[in-house]
PDB file of N, CA and C in Angstrom:
ATOM      1  N   MET A   1     110.306 104.962 117.674  1.00  0.00           N
ATOM      2  CA  MET A   1     109.069 104.656 117.586  1.00  0.00           C
ATOM      3  C   MET A   1     108.509 103.677 118.888  1.00  0.00           C
ATOM      4  N   SER A   2     109.624 102.957 119.048  1.00  0.00           N
ATOM      5  CA  SER A   2     109.723 101.981 120.456  1.00  0.00           C
ATOM      6  C   SER A   2     109.374 102.606 121.811  1.00  0.00           C
ATOM      7  N   ASP A   3     109.399 103.981 122.013  1.00  0.00           N
ATOM      8  CA  ASP A   3     109.210 104.646 123.166  1.00  0.00           C
ATOM      9  C   ASP A   3     107.845 104.978 123.156  1.00  0.00           C
ATOM     10  N   ILE A   4     106.857 104.964 122.063  1.00  0.00           N
ATOM     11  CA  ILE A   4     105.545 105.141 122.172  1.00  0.00           C
ATOM     12  C   ILE A   4     104.865 104.354 123.111  1.00  0.00           C
ATOM     13  N   ALA A   5     104.082 104.796 124.017  1.00  0.00           N
ATOM     14  CA  ALA A   5     103.485 104.078 125.004  1.00  0.00           C
ATOM     15  C   ALA A   5     102.053 104.218 124.982  1.00  0.00           C
ATOM     16  N   ALA A   6     101.438 105.006 124.110  1.00  0.00           N
ATOM     17  CA  ALA A   6     100.020 105.437 124.130  1.00  0.00           C
ATOM     18  C   ALA A   6      99.553 104.444 123.240  1.00  0.00           C
ATOM     19  N   PRO A   7      98.084 103.933 123.323  1.00  0.00           N
ATOM     20  CA  PRO A   7      97.596 103.163 122.631  1.00  0.00           C
ATOM     21  C   PRO A   7      97.507 103.650 121.198  1.00  0.00           C
ATOM     22  N   THR A   8      97.990 103.002 120.112  1.00  0.00           N
ATOM     23  CA  THR A   8      97.864 103.510 118.747  1.00  0.00           C
ATOM     24  C   THR A   8      97.331 102.925 117.854  1.00  0.00           C
ATOM     25  N   LEU A   9      96.581 103.735 116.909  1.00  0.00           N
ATOM     26  CA  LEU A   9      95.767 103.024 115.654  1.00  0.00           C
ATOM     27  C   LEU A   9      96.444 103.542 114.467  1.00  0.00           C
ATOM     28  N   VAL A  10      97.127 102.753 113.764  1.00  0.00           N
ATOM     29  CA  VAL A  10      97.632 103.075 112.432  1.00  0.00           C
ATOM     30  C   VAL A  10      96.550 103.084 111.291  1.00  0.00           C
ATOM     31  N   VAL A  11      96.062 104.183 110.887  1.00  0.00           N
ATOM     32  CA  VAL A  11      95.098 104.174 109.830  1.00  0.00           C
ATOM     33  C   VAL A  11      95.908 104.291 108.471  1.00  0.00           C
ATOM     34  N   HIS A  12      95.735 103.472 107.566  1.00  0.00           N
ATOM     35  CA  HIS A  12      96.657 103.382 106.193  1.00  0.00           C
ATOM     36  C   HIS A  12      95.619 102.994 105.064  1.00  0.00           C
ATOM     37  N   GLY A  13      95.703 103.577 103.940  1.00  0.00           N
ATOM     38  CA  GLY A  13      94.921 103.124 102.841  1.00  0.00           C
ATOM     39  C   GLY A  13      95.750 102.254 102.060  1.00  0.00           C
ATOM     40  N   THR A  14      94.994 101.184 101.716  1.00  0.00           N
ATOM     41  CA  THR A  14      95.602 100.018 100.757  1.00  0.00           C
ATOM     42  C   THR A  14      96.047 100.565  99.462  1.00  0.00           C
ATOM     43  N   THR A  15      95.670 101.838  98.842  1.00  0.00           N
ATOM     44  CA  THR A  15      95.953 102.240  97.583  1.00  0.00           C
ATOM     45  C   THR A  15      96.851 103.591  97.485  1.00  0.00           C
ATOM     46  N   ASP A  16      97.479 103.939  98.763  1.00  0.00           N
ATOM     47  CA  ASP A  16      98.226 105.105  98.928  1.00  0.00           C
ATOM     48  C   ASP A  16      99.388 105.217  97.908  1.00  0.00           C
ATOM     49  N   PRO A  17      99.403 106.180  97.152  1.00  0.00           N
ATOM     50  CA  PRO A  17     100.545 106.345  95.963  1.00  0.00           C
ATOM     51  C   PRO A  17     101.851 107.003  96.614  1.00  0.00           C
ATOM     52  N   MET A  18     101.729 107.427  97.715  1.00  0.00           N
ATOM     53  CA  MET A  18     102.963 107.903  98.356  1.00  0.00           C
ATOM     54  C   MET A  18     103.594 107.125  99.098  1.00  0.00           C
ATOM     55  N   PHE A  19     102.874 106.578 100.193  1.00  0.00           N
ATOM     56  CA  PHE A  19     103.367 105.364 100.990  1.00  0.00           C
ATOM     57  C   PHE A  19     102.437 104.200 100.948  1.00  0.00           C
ATOM     58  N   PRO A  20     103.121 103.187 100.284  1.00  0.00           N
ATOM     59  CA  PRO A  20     102.459 101.893  99.911  1.00  0.00           C
ATOM     60  C   PRO A  20     102.193 101.275 101.448  1.00  0.00           C
ATOM     61  N   LEU A  21     101.042 100.357 101.510  1.00  0.00           N
ATOM     62  CA  LEU A  21     100.564  99.662 102.725  1.00  0.00           C
ATOM     63  C   LEU A  21     101.809  99.340 103.524  1.00  0.00           C
ATOM     64  N   ALA A  22     102.869  98.770 102.931  1.00  0.00           N
ATOM     65  CA  ALA A  22     103.936  98.378 103.694  1.00  0.00           C
ATOM     66  C   ALA A  22     104.650  99.256 104.532  1.00  0.00           C
ATOM     67  N   HIS A  23     104.345 100.582 104.149  1.00  0.00           N
ATOM     68  CA  HIS A  23     104.930 101.601 105.114  1.00  0.00           C
ATOM     69  C   HIS A  23     104.032 101.556 106.447  1.00  0.00           C
ATOM     70  N   GLY A  24     102.687 101.390 106.340  1.00  0.00           N
ATOM     71  CA  GLY A  24     101.716 101.381 107.486  1.00  0.00           C
ATOM     72  C   GLY A  24     102.093 100.215 108.255  1.00  0.00           C
ATOM     73  N   GLU A  25     102.276  98.873 107.665  1.00  0.00           N
ATOM     74  CA  GLU A  25     102.683  97.738 108.237  1.00  0.00           C
ATOM     75  C   GLU A  25     103.935  97.997 109.099  1.00  0.00           C
ATOM     76  N   ALA A  26     104.795  98.628 108.558  1.00  0.00           N
ATOM     77  CA  ALA A  26     106.029  98.733 109.362  1.00  0.00           C
ATOM     78  C   ALA A  26     105.966  99.684 110.482  1.00  0.00           C
ATOM     79  N   LEU A  27     105.107 100.748 110.275  1.00  0.00           N
ATOM     80  CA  LEU A  27     104.834 101.463 111.349  1.00  0.00           C
ATOM     81  C   LEU A  27     104.298 100.755 112.543  1.00  0.00           C
ATOM     82  N   ALA A  28     103.254 100.191 112.108  1.00  0.00           N
ATOM     83  CA  ALA A  28     102.648  99.234 113.152  1.00  0.00           C
ATOM     84  C   ALA A  28     103.318  98.286 113.944  1.00  0.00           C
ATOM     85  N   ARG A  29     104.279  97.847 113.308  1.00  0.00           N
ATOM     86  CA  ARG A  29     105.182  96.661 113.938  1.00  0.00           C
ATOM     87  C   ARG A  29     106.167  97.492 114.908  1.00  0.00           C
ATOM     88  N   GLU A  30     106.594  98.650 114.609  1.00  0.00           N
ATOM     89  CA  GLU A  30     107.494  99.442 115.362  1.00  0.00           C
ATOM     90  C   GLU A  30     106.943 100.128 116.641  1.00  0.00           C
ATOM     91  N   ILE A  31     105.553 100.192 116.582  1.00  0.00           N
ATOM     92  CA  ILE A  31     104.871 100.930 117.782  1.00  0.00           C
ATOM     93  C   ILE A  31     104.160  99.510 118.663  1.00  0.00           C
ATOM     94  N   HIS A  32     104.693  99.034 119.717  1.00  0.00           N
ATOM     95  CA  HIS A  32     104.369  98.080 120.469  1.00  0.00           C
ATOM     96  C   HIS A  32     103.103  98.114 120.881  1.00  0.00           C
ATOM     97  N   GLY A  33     102.076  97.108 120.473  1.00  0.00           N
ATOM     98  CA  GLY A  33     100.773  97.009 120.956  1.00  0.00           C
ATOM     99  C   GLY A  33      99.922  97.766 119.986  1.00  0.00           C
ATOM    100  N   SER A  34     100.284  98.284 118.740  1.00  0.00           N
ATOM    101  CA  SER A  34      99.732  99.258 118.051  1.00  0.00           C
ATOM    102  C   SER A  34      98.718  98.290 117.355  1.00  0.00           C
ATOM    103  N   THR A  35      97.663  98.835 116.730  1.00  0.00           N
ATOM    104  CA  THR A  35      96.777  98.222 115.825  1.00  0.00           C
ATOM    105  C   THR A  35      96.786  98.830 114.347  1.00  0.00           C
ATOM    106  N   LEU A  36      96.795  97.932 113.570  1.00  0.00           N
ATOM    107  CA  LEU A  36      96.760  98.453 112.063  1.00  0.00           C
ATOM    108  C   LEU A  36      95.421  98.446 111.384  1.00  0.00           C
ATOM    109  N   LEU A  37      94.949  99.466 110.981  1.00  0.00           N
ATOM    110  CA  LEU A  37      93.689  99.583 110.263  1.00  0.00           C
ATOM    111  C   LEU A  37      93.723  99.675 108.699  1.00  0.00           C
ATOM    112  N   PRO A  38      94.100  98.812 107.926  1.00  0.00           N
ATOM    113  CA  PRO A  38      94.146  99.134 106.632  1.00  0.00           C
ATOM    114  C   PRO A  38      92.868  99.293 105.881  1.00  0.00           C
ATOM    115  N   VAL A  39      92.750 100.475 105.203  1.00  0.00           N
ATOM    116  CA  VAL A  39      91.476 100.876 104.758  1.00  0.00           C
ATOM    117  C   VAL A  39      91.370 100.568 103.080  1.00  0.00           C
ATOM    118  N   PRO A  40      90.724  99.800 102.841  1.00  0.00           N
ATOM    119  CA  PRO A  40      90.505  99.231 101.279  1.00  0.00           C
ATOM    120  C   PRO A  40      90.054 100.402 100.363  1.00  0.00           C
ATOM    121  N   GLY A  41      90.958 100.631  99.415  1.00  0.00           N
ATOM    122  CA  GLY A  41      90.527 101.679  98.302  1.00  0.00           C
ATOM    123  C   GLY A  41      90.903 103.009  98.823  1.00  0.00           C
ATOM    124  N   MET A  42      91.512 103.335  99.906  1.00  0.00           N
ATOM    125  CA  MET A  42      91.752 104.734 100.323  1.00  0.00           C
ATOM    126  C   MET A  42      93.162 104.905  99.987  1.00  0.00           C
ATOM    127  N   GLY A  43      93.374 106.209  99.445  1.00  0.00           N
ATOM    128  CA  GLY A  43      94.864 106.340  99.004  1.00  0.00           C
ATOM    129  C   GLY A  43      95.326 107.418 100.248  1.00  0.00           C
ATOM    130  N   HIS A  44      96.303 108.469  99.600  1.00  0.00           N
ATOM    131  CA  HIS A  44      96.751 109.205 100.654  1.00  0.00           C
ATOM    132  C   HIS A  44      95.941 110.537 100.982  1.00  0.00           C
ATOM    133  N   GLU A  45      94.818 110.460 101.712  1.00  0.00           N
ATOM    134  CA  GLU A  45      93.807 111.416 101.840  1.00  0.00           C
ATOM    135  C   GLU A  45      92.987 111.113 103.252  1.00  0.00           C
ATOM    136  N   ARG A  46      92.214 111.988 103.398  1.00  0.00           N
ATOM    137  CA  ARG A  46      91.288 111.602 104.532  1.00  0.00           C
ATOM    138  C   ARG A  46      90.178 110.476 103.977  1.00  0.00           C
ATOM    139  N   PRO A  47      89.597 109.883 104.929  1.00  0.00           N
ATOM    140  CA  PRO A  47      88.820 108.807 104.382  1.00  0.00           C
ATOM    141  C   PRO A  47      87.818 109.201 103.418  1.00  0.00           C
ATOM    142  N   PRO A  48      87.608 108.835 102.318  1.00  0.00           N
ATOM    143  CA  PRO A  48      86.404 108.975 101.375  1.00  0.00           C
ATOM    144  C   PRO A  48      85.126 108.704 102.095  1.00  0.00           C
ATOM    145  N   ALA A  49      84.063 109.168 101.512  1.00  0.00           N
ATOM    146  CA  ALA A  49      82.830 108.777 101.961  1.00  0.00           C
ATOM    147  C   ALA A  49      82.382 107.428 101.986  1.00  0.00           C
ATOM    148  N   ALA A  50      82.995 106.686 101.189  1.00  0.00           N
ATOM    149  CA  ALA A  50      82.535 105.092 101.002  1.00  0.00           C
ATOM    150  C   ALA A  50      83.173 104.460 102.273  1.00  0.00           C
ATOM    151  N   VAL A  51      84.180 104.873 102.808  1.00  0.00           N
ATOM    152  CA  VAL A  51      84.848 104.345 104.094  1.00  0.00           C
ATOM    153  C   VAL A  51      84.667 105.123 105.431  1.00  0.00           C
ATOM    154  N   ARG A  52      84.361 106.382 105.187  1.00  0.00           N
ATOM    155  CA  ARG A  52      84.385 107.294 106.546  1.00  0.00           C
ATOM    156  C   ARG A  52      83.738 106.573 107.655  1.00  0.00           C
ATOM    157  N   ASP A  53      82.544 106.213 107.566  1.00  0.00           N
ATOM    158  CA  ASP A  53      81.766 105.590 108.829  1.00  0.00           C
ATOM    159  C   ASP A  53      82.575 104.279 109.276  1.00  0.00           C
ATOM    160  N   ALA A  54      83.058 103.616 108.578  1.00  0.00           N
ATOM    161  CA  ALA A  54      84.096 102.625 109.192  1.00  0.00           C
ATOM    162  C   ALA A  54      85.172 102.984 109.957  1.00  0.00           C
ATOM    163  N   VAL A  55      85.897 103.959 109.389  1.00  0.00           N
ATOM    164  CA  VAL A  55      87.024 104.488 109.870  1.00  0.00           C
ATOM    165  C   VAL A  55      86.591 105.161 111.186  1.00  0.00           C
ATOM    166  N   THR A  56      85.587 106.053 111.185  1.00  0.00           N
ATOM    167  CA  THR A  56      85.109 106.879 112.201  1.00  0.00           C
ATOM    168  C   THR A  56      84.820 105.766 113.331  1.00  0.00           C
ATOM    169  N   ASP A  57      84.075 104.719 113.086  1.00  0.00           N
ATOM    170  CA  ASP A  57      83.725 103.767 114.070  1.00  0.00           C
ATOM    171  C   ASP A  57      84.920 103.218 114.481  1.00  0.00           C
ATOM    172  N   ALA A  58      86.087 102.923 113.865  1.00  0.00           N
ATOM    173  CA  ALA A  58      87.387 102.155 114.335  1.00  0.00           C
ATOM    174  C   ALA A  58      88.012 103.283 115.418  1.00  0.00           C
ATOM    175  N   VAL A  59      87.876 104.269 114.806  1.00  0.00           N
ATOM    176  CA  VAL A  59      88.502 105.421 115.844  1.00  0.00           C
ATOM    177  C   VAL A  59      88.004 105.556 117.209  1.00  0.00           C
ATOM    178  N   VAL A  60      86.308 105.508 117.150  1.00  0.00           N
ATOM    179  CA  VAL A  60      85.875 105.440 118.396  1.00  0.00           C
ATOM    180  C   VAL A  60      85.914 104.320 119.192  1.00  0.00           C
ATOM    181  N   ARG A  61      85.992 103.280 118.715  1.00  0.00           N
ATOM    182  CA  ARG A  61      86.042 102.045 119.404  1.00  0.00           C
ATOM    183  C   ARG A  61      87.718 102.056 120.057  1.00  0.00           C
ATOM    184  N   HIS A  62      88.669 102.475 119.367  1.00  0.00           N
ATOM    185  CA  HIS A  62      90.005 102.583 119.863  1.00  0.00           C
ATOM    186  C   HIS A  62      89.896 103.538 121.000  1.00  0.00           C
ATOM    187  N   THR A  63      89.503 104.753 120.758  1.00  0.00           N
ATOM    188  CA  THR A  63      89.541 105.510 121.969  1.00  0.00           C
ATOM    189  C   THR A  63      88.582 105.354 123.133  1.00  0.00           C
ATOM    190  N   GLY A  64      87.796 104.358 122.896  1.00  0.00           N
ATOM    191  CA  GLY A  64      86.865 104.007 124.048  1.00  0.00           C
ATOM    192  C   GLY A  64      85.769 104.912 124.313  1.00  0.00           C
ATOM    193  N   ARG A  65      85.544 105.716 123.430  1.00  0.00           N
ATOM    194  CA  ARG A  65      84.465 106.677 123.414  1.00  0.00           C
ATOM    195  C   ARG A  65      83.123 106.244 123.094  1.00  0.00           C
ATOM    196  N   THR A  66      82.218 106.606 123.648  1.00  0.00           N
ATOM    197  CA  THR A  66      80.667 106.111 123.515  1.00  0.00           C
ATOM    198  C   THR A  66      79.819 107.183 123.425  1.00  0.00           C
ATOM    199  N   GLY A  67      79.006 107.462 122.369  1.00  0.00           N
ATOM    200  CA  GLY A  67      78.032 108.435 122.353  1.00  0.00           C
ATOM    201  C   GLY A  67      78.661 109.812 122.746  1.00  0.00           C
ATOM    202  N   SER A  68      77.695 110.765 122.480  1.00  0.00           N
ATOM    203  CA  SER A  68      78.209 112.095 122.937  1.00  0.00           C
ATOM    204  C   SER A  68      77.415 112.806 123.957  1.00  0.00           C
TER     205      SER A  68
END
């Protein structure tokens, strides 16, 4: 992971039953300069409706995209 040079956003659910949050934290530590976005209440799934807008906004900010 240390050779990843691209800006990286690690999105990880706080209630993931397959990979606990500690896995996302470890991944973020291994990728220099990455950002961890822990998503409260999200498991091992795509972001549910309750947090989808917040995750989408974070991805848009991370990629530097504005509008369409």
